[in-house]
Protein backbone atom coordinates (compact mmCIF):
# COMPACT_ATOMS: atom_id res chain seq x y z
CA MET A 1 -5.29 12.94 -3.09
CA LYS A 2 -3.45 10.11 -4.78
CA ALA A 3 -0.65 10.56 -7.29
CA SER A 4 -2.52 8.45 -9.85
CA GLU A 5 -5.46 10.88 -9.71
CA ILE A 6 -3.12 13.81 -10.20
CA ARG A 7 -1.37 12.23 -13.21
CA GLU A 8 -4.72 11.86 -14.98
CA MET A 9 -5.43 15.61 -14.83
CA ASN A 10 -4.46 18.08 -17.55
CA SER A 11 -2.33 21.16 -16.89
CA GLU A 12 -5.33 23.52 -16.57
CA ALA A 13 -6.93 21.35 -13.90
CA LEU A 14 -3.59 20.99 -12.13
CA ASN A 15 -3.05 24.75 -12.03
CA LYS A 16 -6.54 25.24 -10.57
CA LYS A 17 -5.93 22.48 -8.02
CA LEU A 18 -2.61 24.08 -7.08
CA ALA A 19 -4.28 27.43 -6.45
CA ASP A 20 -6.98 25.76 -4.33
CA LEU A 21 -4.40 23.87 -2.28
CA LYS A 22 -2.34 27.01 -1.67
CA GLU A 23 -5.45 28.82 -0.47
CA GLU A 24 -6.33 25.91 1.81
CA LEU A 25 -2.80 25.89 3.23
CA PHE A 26 -3.03 29.61 3.94
CA ASN A 27 -6.33 29.11 5.77
CA LEU A 28 -4.93 26.18 7.77
CA ARG A 29 -1.88 28.21 8.82
CA PHE A 30 -4.14 31.07 9.86
CA GLN A 31 -6.30 28.71 11.94
CA HIS A 32 -3.17 27.25 13.49
CA ALA A 33 -1.92 30.71 14.46
CA ILE A 34 -5.11 31.53 16.34
CA ASN A 35 -5.33 28.05 17.92
CA GLN A 36 -8.50 26.94 16.13
CA LEU A 37 -6.97 24.14 14.06
CA GLU A 38 -8.50 20.78 14.95
CA ASN A 39 -6.26 18.55 12.83
CA PRO A 40 -2.65 19.80 12.56
CA GLY A 41 -1.74 16.81 10.39
CA ARG A 42 -3.85 18.33 7.62
CA ILE A 43 -1.15 20.99 7.06
CA THR A 44 1.39 18.28 6.24
CA ALA A 45 -1.07 16.49 3.95
CA VAL A 46 -1.81 19.68 2.00
CA LYS A 47 1.91 20.43 1.62
CA LYS A 48 2.46 16.94 0.19
CA ASP A 49 -0.46 17.39 -2.21
CA ILE A 50 1.06 20.69 -3.39
CA ALA A 51 4.37 18.92 -4.02
CA ARG A 52 2.61 16.14 -5.98
CA VAL A 53 0.79 18.67 -8.16
CA LYS A 54 3.98 20.65 -8.82
CA THR A 55 5.80 17.44 -9.75
CA ALA A 56 3.04 16.49 -12.20
CA LEU A 57 3.11 19.98 -13.74
CA ARG A 58 6.87 19.76 -14.19
CA ALA A 59 6.55 16.33 -15.83
CA ILE A 60 4.01 17.75 -18.30
CA GLU A 61 6.33 20.68 -18.99
CA LEU A 62 9.28 18.39 -19.68
CA LYS A 63 7.20 16.11 -21.90
CA ALA A 64 6.15 19.11 -24.01
CA GLU A 65 9.76 20.06 -24.74
């Protein structure tokens, strides 16, 4: 997911996306633990997406103040 796509979302959509990404990360870690993960680079990509979403949420929060 690109940062420009994330910036266009509102806070509700970002919170939902954050929850989805956290769930996906949990599932990827579980698959990795039982050696069924096909693409270990996906874990890193999901972590970066989580960071992008959190950054966008923080920017919205600061703009509101």
